[in-house]
mmCIF file of all heavy atoms, coordinates in Angstrom:
data_MODEL
# 
_entry.id   MODEL 
# 
loop_
_atom_site.group_PDB 
_atom_site.id 
_atom_site.type_symbol 
_atom_site.label_atom_id 
_atom_site.label_alt_id 
_atom_site.label_comp_id 
_atom_site.label_asym_id 
_atom_site.label_entity_id 
_atom_site.label_seq_id 
_atom_site.pdbx_PDB_ins_code 
_atom_site.Cartn_x 
_atom_site.Cartn_y 
_atom_site.Cartn_z 
_atom_site.occupancy 
_atom_site.B_iso_or_equiv 
_atom_site.pdbx_formal_charge 
_atom_site.auth_seq_id 
_atom_site.auth_comp_id 
_atom_site.auth_asym_id 
_atom_site.auth_atom_id 
_atom_site.pdbx_PDB_model_num 
ATOM 1   N N   . GLY A 1 1  ? -17.476 35.692 -2.733 1.00 0.00 ? 1  GLY A N   1 
ATOM 2   C CA  . GLY A 1 1  ? -17.755 37.083 -2.704 1.00 0.00 ? 1  GLY A CA  1 
ATOM 3   C C   . GLY A 1 1  ? -18.292 37.751 -1.488 1.00 0.00 ? 1  GLY A C   1 
ATOM 4   O O   . GLY A 1 1  ? -17.849 38.934 -1.266 1.00 0.00 ? 1  GLY A O   1 
ATOM 5   N N   . THR A 1 2  ? -19.134 37.170 -0.657 1.00 0.00 ? 2  THR A N   1 
ATOM 6   C CA  . THR A 1 2  ? -19.699 37.898 0.362  1.00 0.00 ? 2  THR A CA  1 
ATOM 7   C C   . THR A 1 2  ? -18.921 37.616 1.692  1.00 0.00 ? 2  THR A C   1 
ATOM 8   O O   . THR A 1 2  ? -19.118 38.440 2.731  1.00 0.00 ? 2  THR A O   1 
ATOM 9   C CB  . THR A 1 2  ? -21.201 37.566 0.570  1.00 0.00 ? 2  THR A CB  1 
ATOM 10  O OG1 . THR A 1 2  ? -21.375 36.112 0.745  1.00 0.00 ? 2  THR A OG1 1 
ATOM 11  C CG2 . THR A 1 2  ? -21.924 38.051 -0.614 1.00 0.00 ? 2  THR A CG2 1 
ATOM 12  N N   . ILE A 1 3  ? -18.134 36.626 1.816  1.00 0.00 ? 3  ILE A N   1 
ATOM 13  C CA  . ILE A 1 3  ? -17.534 36.330 3.044  1.00 0.00 ? 3  ILE A CA  1 
ATOM 14  C C   . ILE A 1 3  ? -15.946 36.316 2.860  1.00 0.00 ? 3  ILE A C   1 
ATOM 15  O O   . ILE A 1 3  ? -15.438 35.469 2.036  1.00 0.00 ? 3  ILE A O   1 
ATOM 16  C CB  . ILE A 1 3  ? -17.961 34.972 3.711  1.00 0.00 ? 3  ILE A CB  1 
ATOM 17  C CG1 . ILE A 1 3  ? -19.406 34.960 3.990  1.00 0.00 ? 3  ILE A CG1 1 
ATOM 18  C CG2 . ILE A 1 3  ? -17.057 34.656 5.026  1.00 0.00 ? 3  ILE A CG2 1 
ATOM 19  C CD1 . ILE A 1 3  ? -19.957 33.708 4.566  1.00 0.00 ? 3  ILE A CD1 1 
ATOM 20  N N   . ALA A 1 4  ? -15.275 37.401 3.412  1.00 0.00 ? 4  ALA A N   1 
ATOM 21  C CA  . ALA A 1 4  ? -13.764 37.444 3.111  1.00 0.00 ? 4  ALA A CA  1 
ATOM 22  C C   . ALA A 1 4  ? -13.055 36.284 3.892  1.00 0.00 ? 4  ALA A C   1 
ATOM 23  O O   . ALA A 1 4  ? -13.376 36.071 4.972  1.00 0.00 ? 4  ALA A O   1 
ATOM 24  C CB  . ALA A 1 4  ? -13.347 38.819 3.530  1.00 0.00 ? 4  ALA A CB  1 
ATOM 25  N N   . LYS A 1 5  ? -12.060 35.825 3.202  1.00 0.00 ? 5  LYS A N   1 
ATOM 26  C CA  . LYS A 1 5  ? -11.225 34.868 3.968  1.00 0.00 ? 5  LYS A CA  1 
ATOM 27  C C   . LYS A 1 5  ? -10.254 35.599 4.960  1.00 0.00 ? 5  LYS A C   1 
ATOM 28  O O   . LYS A 1 5  ? -10.008 36.800 4.792  1.00 0.00 ? 5  LYS A O   1 
ATOM 29  C CB  . LYS A 1 5  ? -10.334 34.148 2.953  1.00 0.00 ? 5  LYS A CB  1 
ATOM 30  C CG  . LYS A 1 5  ? -11.079 33.255 1.882  1.00 0.00 ? 5  LYS A CG  1 
ATOM 31  C CD  . LYS A 1 5  ? -11.701 32.093 2.431  1.00 0.00 ? 5  LYS A CD  1 
ATOM 32  C CE  . LYS A 1 5  ? -12.249 31.155 1.307  1.00 0.00 ? 5  LYS A CE  1 
ATOM 33  N NZ  . LYS A 1 5  ? -13.365 31.674 0.566  1.00 0.00 ? 5  LYS A NZ  1 
ATOM 34  N N   . SER A 1 6  ? -9.931  34.890 6.014  1.00 0.00 ? 6  SER A N   1 
ATOM 35  C CA  . SER A 1 6  ? -9.083  35.610 7.040  1.00 0.00 ? 6  SER A CA  1 
ATOM 36  C C   . SER A 1 6  ? -7.700  36.180 6.507  1.00 0.00 ? 6  SER A C   1 
ATOM 37  O O   . SER A 1 6  ? -7.233  37.057 7.015  1.00 0.00 ? 6  SER A O   1 
ATOM 38  C CB  . SER A 1 6  ? -8.841  34.506 8.196  1.00 0.00 ? 6  SER A CB  1 
ATOM 39  O OG  . SER A 1 6  ? -8.150  33.364 7.715  1.00 0.00 ? 6  SER A OG  1 
ATOM 40  N N   . GLY A 1 7  ? -7.333  35.540 5.381  1.00 0.00 ? 7  GLY A N   1 
ATOM 41  C CA  . GLY A 1 7  ? -5.964  35.873 4.955  1.00 0.00 ? 7  GLY A CA  1 
ATOM 42  C C   . GLY A 1 7  ? -6.032  37.148 3.861  1.00 0.00 ? 7  GLY A C   1 
ATOM 43  O O   . GLY A 1 7  ? -4.942  37.558 3.447  1.00 0.00 ? 7  GLY A O   1 
ATOM 44  N N   . THR A 1 8  ? -7.162  37.656 3.554  1.00 0.00 ? 8  THR A N   1 
ATOM 45  C CA  . THR A 1 8  ? -7.362  38.593 2.441  1.00 0.00 ? 8  THR A CA  1 
ATOM 46  C C   . THR A 1 8  ? -6.496  39.843 2.849  1.00 0.00 ? 8  THR A C   1 
ATOM 47  O O   . THR A 1 8  ? -5.712  40.314 2.069  1.00 0.00 ? 8  THR A O   1 
ATOM 48  C CB  . THR A 1 8  ? -8.961  39.028 2.324  1.00 0.00 ? 8  THR A CB  1 
ATOM 49  O OG1 . THR A 1 8  ? -9.684  37.727 2.176  1.00 0.00 ? 8  THR A OG1 1 
ATOM 50  C CG2 . THR A 1 8  ? -9.024  39.883 1.205  1.00 0.00 ? 8  THR A CG2 1 
ATOM 51  N N   . LYS A 1 9  ? -6.784  40.312 4.073  1.00 0.00 ? 9  LYS A N   1 
ATOM 52  C CA  . LYS A 1 9  ? -6.002  41.699 4.342  1.00 0.00 ? 9  LYS A CA  1 
ATOM 53  C C   . LYS A 1 9  ? -4.576  41.483 4.385  1.00 0.00 ? 9  LYS A C   1 
ATOM 54  O O   . LYS A 1 9  ? -3.687  42.309 3.969  1.00 0.00 ? 9  LYS A O   1 
ATOM 55  C CB  . LYS A 1 9  ? -6.550  42.132 5.782  1.00 0.00 ? 9  LYS A CB  1 
ATOM 56  C CG  . LYS A 1 9  ? -6.071  43.553 6.132  1.00 0.00 ? 9  LYS A CG  1 
ATOM 57  C CD  . LYS A 1 9  ? -6.756  43.996 7.389  1.00 0.00 ? 9  LYS A CD  1 
ATOM 58  C CE  . LYS A 1 9  ? -6.312  45.502 7.521  1.00 0.00 ? 9  LYS A CE  1 
ATOM 59  N NZ  . LYS A 1 9  ? -6.776  45.970 8.923  1.00 0.00 ? 9  LYS A NZ  1 
ATOM 60  N N   . ALA A 1 10 ? -4.167  40.302 4.997  1.00 0.00 ? 10 ALA A N   1 
ATOM 61  C CA  . ALA A 1 10 ? -2.654  39.937 5.109  1.00 0.00 ? 10 ALA A CA  1 
ATOM 62  C C   . ALA A 1 10 ? -2.046  39.849 3.811  1.00 0.00 ? 10 ALA A C   1 
ATOM 63  O O   . ALA A 1 10 ? -0.921  40.334 3.574  1.00 0.00 ? 10 ALA A O   1 
ATOM 64  C CB  . ALA A 1 10 ? -2.383  38.696 6.009  1.00 0.00 ? 10 ALA A CB  1 
ATOM 65  N N   . PHE A 1 11 ? -2.729  39.191 2.826  1.00 0.00 ? 11 PHE A N   1 
ATOM 66  C CA  . PHE A 1 11 ? -2.248  39.047 1.485  1.00 0.00 ? 11 PHE A CA  1 
ATOM 67  C C   . PHE A 1 11 ? -2.147  40.491 0.728  1.00 0.00 ? 11 PHE A C   1 
ATOM 68  O O   . PHE A 1 11 ? -1.023  40.770 0.161  1.00 0.00 ? 11 PHE A O   1 
ATOM 69  C CB  . PHE A 1 11 ? -3.158  38.173 0.621  1.00 0.00 ? 11 PHE A CB  1 
ATOM 70  C CG  . PHE A 1 11 ? -2.707  38.128 -0.847 1.00 0.00 ? 11 PHE A CG  1 
ATOM 71  C CD1 . PHE A 1 11 ? -1.642  37.424 -1.135 1.00 0.00 ? 11 PHE A CD1 1 
ATOM 72  C CD2 . PHE A 1 11 ? -3.478  38.740 -1.843 1.00 0.00 ? 11 PHE A CD2 1 
ATOM 73  C CE1 . PHE A 1 11 ? -1.285  37.418 -2.578 1.00 0.00 ? 11 PHE A CE1 1 
ATOM 74  C CE2 . PHE A 1 11 ? -3.062  38.826 -3.231 1.00 0.00 ? 11 PHE A CE2 1 
ATOM 75  C CZ  . PHE A 1 11 ? -1.903  38.043 -3.384 1.00 0.00 ? 11 PHE A CZ  1 
ATOM 76  N N   . MET A 1 12 ? -2.998  41.270 0.889  1.00 0.00 ? 12 MET A N   1 
ATOM 77  C CA  . MET A 1 12 ? -3.053  42.592 0.290  1.00 0.00 ? 12 MET A CA  1 
ATOM 78  C C   . MET A 1 12 ? -1.812  43.520 0.765  1.00 0.00 ? 12 MET A C   1 
ATOM 79  O O   . MET A 1 12 ? -1.082  44.030 0.058  1.00 0.00 ? 12 MET A O   1 
ATOM 80  C CB  . MET A 1 12 ? -4.341  43.298 0.498  1.00 0.00 ? 12 MET A CB  1 
ATOM 81  C CG  . MET A 1 12 ? -5.459  42.819 -0.300 1.00 0.00 ? 12 MET A CG  1 
ATOM 82  S SD  . MET A 1 12 ? -6.941  43.985 -0.445 1.00 0.00 ? 12 MET A SD  1 
ATOM 83  C CE  . MET A 1 12 ? -7.516  43.768 1.303  1.00 0.00 ? 12 MET A CE  1 
ATOM 84  N N   . GLU A 1 13 ? -1.623  43.348 2.096  1.00 0.00 ? 13 GLU A N   1 
ATOM 85  C CA  . GLU A 1 13 ? -0.466  44.100 2.700  1.00 0.00 ? 13 GLU A CA  1 
ATOM 86  C C   . GLU A 1 13 ? 0.810   43.495 2.110  1.00 0.00 ? 13 GLU A C   1 
ATOM 87  O O   . GLU A 1 13 ? 1.750   44.367 1.730  1.00 0.00 ? 13 GLU A O   1 
ATOM 88  C CB  . GLU A 1 13 ? -0.548  43.943 4.236  1.00 0.00 ? 13 GLU A CB  1 
ATOM 89  C CG  . GLU A 1 13 ? -1.670  44.750 4.897  1.00 0.00 ? 13 GLU A CG  1 
ATOM 90  C CD  . GLU A 1 13 ? -1.782  44.492 6.305  1.00 0.00 ? 13 GLU A CD  1 
ATOM 91  O OE1 . GLU A 1 13 ? -1.150  43.564 6.894  1.00 0.00 ? 13 GLU A OE1 1 
ATOM 92  O OE2 . GLU A 1 13 ? -2.649  45.154 6.996  1.00 0.00 ? 13 GLU A OE2 1 
ATOM 93  N N   . MET A 1 14 ? 0.905   42.225 2.061  1.00 0.00 ? 14 MET A N   1 
ATOM 94  C CA  . MET A 1 14 ? 2.157   41.626 1.523  1.00 0.00 ? 14 MET A CA  1 
ATOM 95  C C   . MET A 1 14 ? 2.478   42.053 0.089  1.00 0.00 ? 14 MET A C   1 
ATOM 96  O O   . MET A 1 14 ? 3.434   42.386 -0.232 1.00 0.00 ? 14 MET A O   1 
ATOM 97  C CB  . MET A 1 14 ? 2.200   40.076 1.537  1.00 0.00 ? 14 MET A CB  1 
ATOM 98  C CG  . MET A 1 14 ? 3.457   39.449 1.266  1.00 0.00 ? 14 MET A CG  1 
ATOM 99  S SD  . MET A 1 14 ? 3.275   37.692 0.752  1.00 0.00 ? 14 MET A SD  1 
ATOM 100 C CE  . MET A 1 14 ? 2.804   38.012 -1.036 1.00 0.00 ? 14 MET A CE  1 
ATOM 101 N N   . VAL A 1 15 ? 1.403   42.034 -0.758 1.00 0.00 ? 15 VAL A N   1 
ATOM 102 C CA  . VAL A 1 15 ? 1.518   42.266 -2.123 1.00 0.00 ? 15 VAL A CA  1 
ATOM 103 C C   . VAL A 1 15 ? 1.951   43.791 -2.397 1.00 0.00 ? 15 VAL A C   1 
ATOM 104 O O   . VAL A 1 15 ? 2.819   44.112 -3.201 1.00 0.00 ? 15 VAL A O   1 
ATOM 105 C CB  . VAL A 1 15 ? 0.289   42.007 -2.890 1.00 0.00 ? 15 VAL A CB  1 
ATOM 106 C CG1 . VAL A 1 15 ? 0.253   42.780 -4.235 1.00 0.00 ? 15 VAL A CG1 1 
ATOM 107 C CG2 . VAL A 1 15 ? 0.028   40.561 -3.070 1.00 0.00 ? 15 VAL A CG2 1 
ATOM 108 N N   . GLN A 1 16 ? 1.370   44.692 -1.526 1.00 0.00 ? 16 GLN A N   1 
ATOM 109 C CA  . GLN A 1 16 ? 1.671   46.022 -1.639 1.00 0.00 ? 16 GLN A CA  1 
ATOM 110 C C   . GLN A 1 16 ? 3.228   46.318 -1.315 1.00 0.00 ? 16 GLN A C   1 
ATOM 111 O O   . GLN A 1 16 ? 3.746   47.226 -1.845 1.00 0.00 ? 16 GLN A O   1 
ATOM 112 C CB  . GLN A 1 16 ? 0.806   46.888 -0.699 1.00 0.00 ? 16 GLN A CB  1 
ATOM 113 C CG  . GLN A 1 16 ? -0.677  47.088 -1.491 1.00 0.00 ? 16 GLN A CG  1 
ATOM 114 C CD  . GLN A 1 16 ? -1.699  47.597 -0.420 1.00 0.00 ? 16 GLN A CD  1 
ATOM 115 O OE1 . GLN A 1 16 ? -1.632  47.364 0.771  1.00 0.00 ? 16 GLN A OE1 1 
ATOM 116 N NE2 . GLN A 1 16 ? -2.737  48.237 -1.004 1.00 0.00 ? 16 GLN A NE2 1 
ATOM 117 N N   . GLU A 1 17 ? 3.711   45.512 -0.466 1.00 0.00 ? 17 GLU A N   1 
ATOM 118 C CA  . GLU A 1 17 ? 5.082   45.613 -0.034 1.00 0.00 ? 17 GLU A CA  1 
ATOM 119 C C   . GLU A 1 17 ? 5.998   45.032 -1.032 1.00 0.00 ? 17 GLU A C   1 
ATOM 120 O O   . GLU A 1 17 ? 7.030   45.589 -1.518 1.00 0.00 ? 17 GLU A O   1 
ATOM 121 C CB  . GLU A 1 17 ? 5.360   44.924 1.316  1.00 0.00 ? 17 GLU A CB  1 
ATOM 122 C CG  . GLU A 1 17 ? 5.023   45.756 2.492  1.00 0.00 ? 17 GLU A CG  1 
ATOM 123 C CD  . GLU A 1 17 ? 5.098   45.071 3.861  1.00 0.00 ? 17 GLU A CD  1 
ATOM 124 O OE1 . GLU A 1 17 ? 6.036   44.289 3.862  1.00 0.00 ? 17 GLU A OE1 1 
ATOM 125 O OE2 . GLU A 1 17 ? 4.443   45.232 4.720  1.00 0.00 ? 17 GLU A OE2 1 
ATOM 126 N N   . THR A 1 18 ? 5.711   43.771 -1.438 1.00 0.00 ? 18 THR A N   1 
ATOM 127 C CA  . THR A 1 18 ? 6.605   42.941 -2.315 1.00 0.00 ? 18 THR A CA  1 
ATOM 128 C C   . THR A 1 18 ? 6.390   43.009 -3.723 1.00 0.00 ? 18 THR A C   1 
ATOM 129 O O   . THR A 1 18 ? 7.191   42.641 -4.520 1.00 0.00 ? 18 THR A O   1 
ATOM 130 C CB  . THR A 1 18 ? 6.509   41.473 -1.848 1.00 0.00 ? 18 THR A CB  1 
ATOM 131 O OG1 . THR A 1 18 ? 5.256   40.875 -2.094 1.00 0.00 ? 18 THR A OG1 1 
ATOM 132 C CG2 . THR A 1 18 ? 6.864   41.303 -0.368 1.00 0.00 ? 18 THR A CG2 1 
ATOM 133 N N   . LYS A 1 19 ? 5.096   43.515 -4.165 1.00 0.00 ? 19 LYS A N   1 
ATOM 134 C CA  . LYS A 1 19 ? 4.664   43.426 -5.626 1.00 0.00 ? 19 LYS A CA  1 
ATOM 135 C C   . LYS A 1 19 ? 4.668   41.982 -6.181 1.00 0.00 ? 19 LYS A C   1 
ATOM 136 O O   . LYS A 1 19 ? 4.923   41.799 -7.358 1.00 0.00 ? 19 LYS A O   1 
ATOM 137 C CB  . LYS A 1 19 ? 5.634   44.299 -6.477 1.00 0.00 ? 19 LYS A CB  1 
ATOM 138 C CG  . LYS A 1 19 ? 5.659   45.804 -5.877 1.00 0.00 ? 19 LYS A CG  1 
ATOM 139 C CD  . LYS A 1 19 ? 4.307   46.481 -5.918 1.00 0.00 ? 19 LYS A CD  1 
ATOM 140 C CE  . LYS A 1 19 ? 4.553   47.943 -5.496 1.00 0.00 ? 19 LYS A CE  1 
ATOM 141 N NZ  . LYS A 1 19 ? 3.245   48.450 -4.922 1.00 0.00 ? 19 LYS A NZ  1 
ATOM 142 N N   . ASP A 1 20 ? 4.596   41.047 -5.295 1.00 0.00 ? 20 ASP A N   1 
ATOM 143 C CA  . ASP A 1 20 ? 4.637   39.604 -5.854 1.00 0.00 ? 20 ASP A CA  1 
ATOM 144 C C   . ASP A 1 20 ? 3.399   38.867 -5.409 1.00 0.00 ? 20 ASP A C   1 
ATOM 145 O O   . ASP A 1 20 ? 3.004   38.804 -4.169 1.00 0.00 ? 20 ASP A O   1 
ATOM 146 C CB  . ASP A 1 20 ? 5.791   38.859 -5.127 1.00 0.00 ? 20 ASP A CB  1 
ATOM 147 C CG  . ASP A 1 20 ? 5.924   37.459 -5.569 1.00 0.00 ? 20 ASP A CG  1 
ATOM 148 O OD1 . ASP A 1 20 ? 5.200   37.003 -6.542 1.00 0.00 ? 20 ASP A OD1 1 
ATOM 149 O OD2 . ASP A 1 20 ? 6.752   36.706 -4.970 1.00 0.00 ? 20 ASP A OD2 1 
ATOM 150 N N   . ALA A 1 21 ? 2.596   38.384 -6.284 1.00 0.00 ? 21 ALA A N   1 
ATOM 151 C CA  . ALA A 1 21 ? 1.251   37.856 -6.047 1.00 0.00 ? 21 ALA A CA  1 
ATOM 152 C C   . ALA A 1 21 ? 1.328   36.258 -5.932 1.00 0.00 ? 21 ALA A C   1 
ATOM 153 O O   . ALA A 1 21 ? 0.409   35.531 -5.746 1.00 0.00 ? 21 ALA A O   1 
ATOM 154 C CB  . ALA A 1 21 ? 0.218   38.153 -7.208 1.00 0.00 ? 21 ALA A CB  1 
ATOM 155 N N   . SER A 1 22 ? 2.547   35.746 -6.193 1.00 0.00 ? 22 SER A N   1 
ATOM 156 C CA  . SER A 1 22 ? 2.743   34.292 -6.277 1.00 0.00 ? 22 SER A CA  1 
ATOM 157 C C   . SER A 1 22 ? 2.338   33.497 -5.019 1.00 0.00 ? 22 SER A C   1 
ATOM 158 O O   . SER A 1 22 ? 2.064   32.265 -5.052 1.00 0.00 ? 22 SER A O   1 
ATOM 159 C CB  . SER A 1 22 ? 4.216   33.890 -6.675 1.00 0.00 ? 22 SER A CB  1 
ATOM 160 O OG  . SER A 1 22 ? 5.015   34.385 -5.646 1.00 0.00 ? 22 SER A OG  1 
ATOM 161 N N   . MET A 1 23 ? 2.247   34.182 -3.800 1.00 0.00 ? 23 MET A N   1 
ATOM 162 C CA  . MET A 1 23 ? 1.892   33.429 -2.624 1.00 0.00 ? 23 MET A CA  1 
ATOM 163 C C   . MET A 1 23 ? 0.445   33.350 -2.377 1.00 0.00 ? 23 MET A C   1 
ATOM 164 O O   . MET A 1 23 ? -0.009  33.045 -1.218 1.00 0.00 ? 23 MET A O   1 
ATOM 165 C CB  . MET A 1 23 ? 2.666   34.097 -1.414 1.00 0.00 ? 23 MET A CB  1 
ATOM 166 C CG  . MET A 1 23 ? 4.206   34.191 -1.555 1.00 0.00 ? 23 MET A CG  1 
ATOM 167 S SD  . MET A 1 23 ? 4.869   32.594 -1.366 1.00 0.00 ? 23 MET A SD  1 
ATOM 168 C CE  . MET A 1 23 ? 4.879   32.514 0.525  1.00 0.00 ? 23 MET A CE  1 
ATOM 169 N N   . ILE A 1 24 ? -0.338  33.818 -3.333 1.00 0.00 ? 24 ILE A N   1 
ATOM 170 C CA  . ILE A 1 24 ? -1.679  34.191 -3.175 1.00 0.00 ? 24 ILE A CA  1 
ATOM 171 C C   . ILE A 1 24 ? -2.558  32.867 -2.586 1.00 0.00 ? 24 ILE A C   1 
ATOM 172 O O   . ILE A 1 24 ? -3.428  33.026 -1.670 1.00 0.00 ? 24 ILE A O   1 
ATOM 173 C CB  . ILE A 1 24 ? -2.512  34.704 -4.428 1.00 0.00 ? 24 ILE A CB  1 
ATOM 174 C CG1 . ILE A 1 24 ? -3.884  35.133 -4.109 1.00 0.00 ? 24 ILE A CG1 1 
ATOM 175 C CG2 . ILE A 1 24 ? -2.419  33.571 -5.464 1.00 0.00 ? 24 ILE A CG2 1 
ATOM 176 C CD1 . ILE A 1 24 ? -4.529  35.833 -5.337 1.00 0.00 ? 24 ILE A CD1 1 
# 
């Protein structure tokens, strides 16, 4: 919760583009 993983932002950007959450 309080410490974001380094990949959080990159994952959100990818999901908004591809609409695919399977690489989470």
